[in-house]
Amino acid sequence: MISADINDYRIHDNRHTHASQLVSSGMSLAIVGRLLGHTNPMTTQRYAHLADDPLREAAEIMAEKMREWASAPV
C-alpha cells in the first residue's frame, strides 16, 4: 500500500473538489446536486459562488446580442 503524507485531509474534501470543479465548469447546480446525492437543493447551493464565470459569460453573450440588435438596420 502506498501512503501520502497529507495532513488535515477529510474524505469529504474529494466531494467538495468534485462539486467545485463541475460548478466552475458551468455544470448546473441541479445536476451537481443529483451527482452528489443531495436531496435538498439548498445543500448544493453553497457551491453557487463558484459559478461566477459562467454567469459572466452568459451576460456577455446577451450584451453582444443586444449590441447587434441596436446596430441592425431598421
Protein backbone atom coordinates (compact mmCIF):
# COMPACT_ATOMS: atom_id res chain seq x y z
CA MET A 1 0.00 0.00 0.00
CA ILE A 2 1.26 3.47 -0.89
CA SER A 3 0.63 6.27 1.56
CA ALA A 4 0.90 10.01 1.16
CA ASP A 5 2.00 12.42 3.82
CA ILE A 6 -1.13 14.59 3.73
CA ASN A 7 -2.26 16.45 6.80
CA ASP A 8 -5.76 17.71 7.60
CA TYR A 9 -7.40 15.62 4.87
CA ARG A 10 -11.03 14.56 5.05
CA ILE A 11 -12.81 12.22 2.63
CA HIS A 12 -15.40 14.98 2.21
CA ASP A 13 -12.67 17.05 0.53
CA ASN A 14 -12.99 14.75 -2.51
CA ARG A 15 -16.72 15.51 -2.76
CA HIS A 16 -16.10 19.23 -2.39
CA THR A 17 -13.41 19.21 -5.08
CA HIS A 18 -15.64 17.17 -7.40
CA ALA A 19 -18.56 19.59 -6.97
CA SER A 20 -16.37 22.68 -7.19
CA GLN A 21 -14.79 21.59 -10.45
CA LEU A 22 -18.14 20.77 -12.04
CA VAL A 23 -19.78 24.04 -10.98
CA SER A 24 -16.75 26.04 -12.09
CA SER A 25 -17.01 24.32 -15.46
CA GLY A 26 -20.56 25.56 -15.89
CA MET A 27 -22.47 22.47 -14.80
CA SER A 28 -25.82 23.35 -13.26
CA LEU A 29 -26.31 23.12 -9.52
CA ALA A 30 -29.23 20.76 -10.09
CA ILE A 31 -27.02 18.27 -11.93
CA VAL A 32 -24.18 18.56 -9.41
CA GLY A 33 -26.65 18.05 -6.57
CA ARG A 34 -28.00 14.90 -8.16
CA LEU A 35 -24.49 13.54 -8.72
CA LEU A 36 -23.68 14.14 -5.06
CA GLY A 37 -26.95 12.61 -3.91
CA HIS A 38 -28.25 15.81 -2.34
CA THR A 39 -31.98 15.64 -1.66
CA ASN A 40 -32.19 19.30 -0.67
CA PRO A 41 -31.18 21.86 -3.35
CA MET A 42 -30.03 24.22 -0.60
CA THR A 43 -27.25 21.76 0.23
CA THR A 44 -25.81 22.21 -3.26
CA GLN A 45 -26.45 25.96 -3.21
CA ARG A 46 -23.25 26.51 -1.20
CA TYR A 47 -21.32 25.88 -4.41
CA ALA A 48 -23.16 28.67 -6.26
CA HIS A 49 -20.41 31.21 -5.59
CA LEU A 50 -18.15 29.13 -7.81
CA ALA A 51 -20.37 29.69 -10.84
CA ASP A 52 -19.41 33.34 -11.40
CA ASP A 53 -17.51 32.76 -14.65
CA PRO A 54 -20.39 31.02 -16.47
CA LEU A 55 -22.75 33.76 -15.29
CA ARG A 56 -20.40 36.45 -16.52
CA GLU A 57 -20.05 34.64 -19.85
CA ALA A 58 -23.85 34.41 -20.24
CA ALA A 59 -24.19 38.13 -19.50
CA GLU A 60 -21.54 38.93 -22.13
CA ILE A 61 -23.33 36.78 -24.72
CA MET A 62 -26.56 38.65 -24.09
CA ALA A 63 -24.80 42.03 -24.16
CA GLU A 64 -23.29 41.17 -27.55
CA LYS A 65 -26.72 40.20 -28.91
CA MET A 66 -28.16 43.50 -27.68
CA ARG A 67 -25.31 45.40 -29.40
CA GLU A 68 -26.10 43.53 -32.62
CA TRP A 69 -29.80 44.37 -32.33
CA ALA A 70 -29.01 48.04 -31.67
CA SER A 71 -26.81 48.30 -34.77
CA ALA A 72 -29.13 46.34 -37.10
CA PRO A 73 -30.83 48.33 -39.86
CA VAL A 74 -34.48 49.06 -39.17
